[in-house]
């Protein structure tokens, strides 16, 4: 992996815009630069991590303006949904320095 994954304790459930703002403002052990994972990174997290909730997670990828990609961590299914939907989880990542 070429990115670091935020600890599970930092997960929240919000709409897409708030998810992006949350990641941007996150500071963990003095580390900044957190962001929403793109859909490929989110898929990589799904296949490599065991420490996640069986729920939908937002990705940073936009789909047709009003929608964004998300992935279900119960079976890996990926789809897109209205960005204003308010209950998808957020797992922040940051590029390794």
Protein backbone atom coordinates (compact mmCIF):
# COMPACT_ATOMS: atom_id res chain seq x y z
CA UNK A 1 0.00 0.00 0.00
CA UNK A 2 1.22 3.46 -0.83
CA UNK A 3 -1.03 5.07 1.75
CA UNK A 4 -1.68 4.99 5.48
CA UNK A 5 -5.13 4.14 6.82
CA UNK A 6 -6.56 6.07 9.76
CA UNK A 7 -7.40 4.00 12.84
CA UNK A 8 -10.89 2.53 13.07
CA UNK A 9 -11.64 4.78 16.06
CA UNK A 10 -11.66 7.79 13.73
CA UNK A 11 -14.51 6.49 11.56
CA UNK A 12 -17.68 8.57 11.37
CA UNK A 13 -20.86 8.46 9.29
CA UNK A 14 -21.68 11.63 7.33
CA UNK A 15 -22.63 12.85 3.86
CA UNK A 16 -19.97 13.08 1.17
CA UNK A 17 -19.15 16.79 1.54
CA UNK A 18 -18.78 16.46 5.30
CA UNK A 19 -16.67 13.33 4.79
CA UNK A 20 -14.19 15.29 2.67
CA UNK A 21 -14.06 18.14 5.21
CA UNK A 22 -13.65 15.71 8.10
CA UNK A 23 -10.68 13.98 6.46
CA UNK A 24 -9.06 17.29 5.56
CA UNK A 25 -9.27 18.56 9.17
CA UNK A 26 -8.18 15.27 10.77
CA UNK A 27 -4.97 15.27 12.83
CA UNK A 28 -3.76 11.92 14.19
CA UNK A 29 -0.57 11.77 16.27
CA UNK A 30 0.43 15.12 14.76
CA UNK A 31 -0.09 13.82 11.22
CA UNK A 32 -2.11 15.85 8.75
CA UNK A 33 -2.84 15.36 5.04
CA UNK A 34 -5.72 12.92 5.54
CA UNK A 35 -8.22 12.53 2.72
CA UNK A 36 -11.07 10.39 1.49
CA UNK A 37 -9.69 7.32 -0.36
CA UNK A 38 -10.32 7.01 -4.08
CA UNK A 39 -12.36 4.00 -5.16
CA UNK A 40 -9.28 1.90 -5.98
CA UNK A 41 -7.76 2.60 -2.55
CA UNK A 42 -11.08 1.86 -0.88
CA UNK A 43 -11.20 -1.48 -2.68
CA UNK A 44 -7.63 -2.20 -1.58
CA UNK A 45 -8.62 -1.48 2.03
CA UNK A 46 -11.57 -3.85 1.70
CA UNK A 47 -9.34 -6.70 0.50
CA UNK A 48 -6.46 -6.10 2.92
CA UNK A 49 -8.04 -4.97 6.20
CA UNK A 50 -10.05 -6.98 8.68
CA UNK A 51 -10.72 -4.07 11.03
CA UNK A 52 -13.76 -2.45 9.46
CA UNK A 53 -17.51 -2.31 9.88
CA UNK A 54 -19.82 -4.21 7.51
CA UNK A 55 -21.25 -0.97 6.13
CA UNK A 56 -20.99 1.41 3.16
CA UNK A 57 -17.86 3.58 2.88
CA UNK A 58 -17.52 6.74 0.78
CA UNK A 59 -14.80 7.12 -1.83
CA UNK A 60 -13.41 10.41 -3.11
CA UNK A 61 -14.51 9.64 -6.65
CA UNK A 62 -17.26 11.78 -8.08
CA UNK A 63 -19.87 10.25 -10.35
CA UNK A 64 -21.88 12.56 -12.58
CA UNK A 65 -21.70 15.64 -10.35
CA UNK A 66 -24.33 14.91 -7.70
CA UNK A 67 -23.18 11.35 -6.96
CA UNK A 68 -20.07 9.69 -5.53
CA UNK A 69 -18.80 6.10 -5.51
CA UNK A 70 -19.04 4.02 -2.35
CA UNK A 71 -18.34 0.42 -1.40
CA UNK A 72 -20.06 -2.06 0.91
CA UNK A 73 -17.57 -3.73 3.23
CA UNK A 74 -19.80 -6.75 3.74
CA UNK A 75 -19.31 -8.17 0.23
CA UNK A 76 -17.19 -5.64 -1.72
CA UNK A 77 -20.08 -4.39 -3.88
CA UNK A 78 -19.41 -0.93 -5.37
CA UNK A 79 -21.99 1.56 -6.55
CA UNK A 80 -22.72 5.29 -6.47
CA UNK A 81 -25.15 7.36 -4.47
CA UNK A 82 -26.33 10.92 -3.98
CA UNK A 83 -23.58 12.88 -2.15
CA UNK A 84 -26.07 14.39 0.27
CA UNK A 85 -26.97 10.97 1.71
CA UNK A 86 -25.97 11.21 5.35
CA UNK A 87 -25.11 7.82 6.73
CA UNK A 88 -22.11 6.34 4.92
CA UNK A 89 -18.88 5.67 6.81
CA UNK A 90 -15.55 7.39 6.33
CA UNK A 91 -12.13 5.74 6.57
CA UNK A 92 -9.49 8.41 5.97
CA UNK A 93 -6.15 7.74 4.27
CA UNK A 94 -2.98 9.73 3.70
CA UNK A 95 -0.11 9.34 1.29
CA UNK A 96 3.02 7.82 2.81
CA UNK A 97 5.78 10.37 3.12
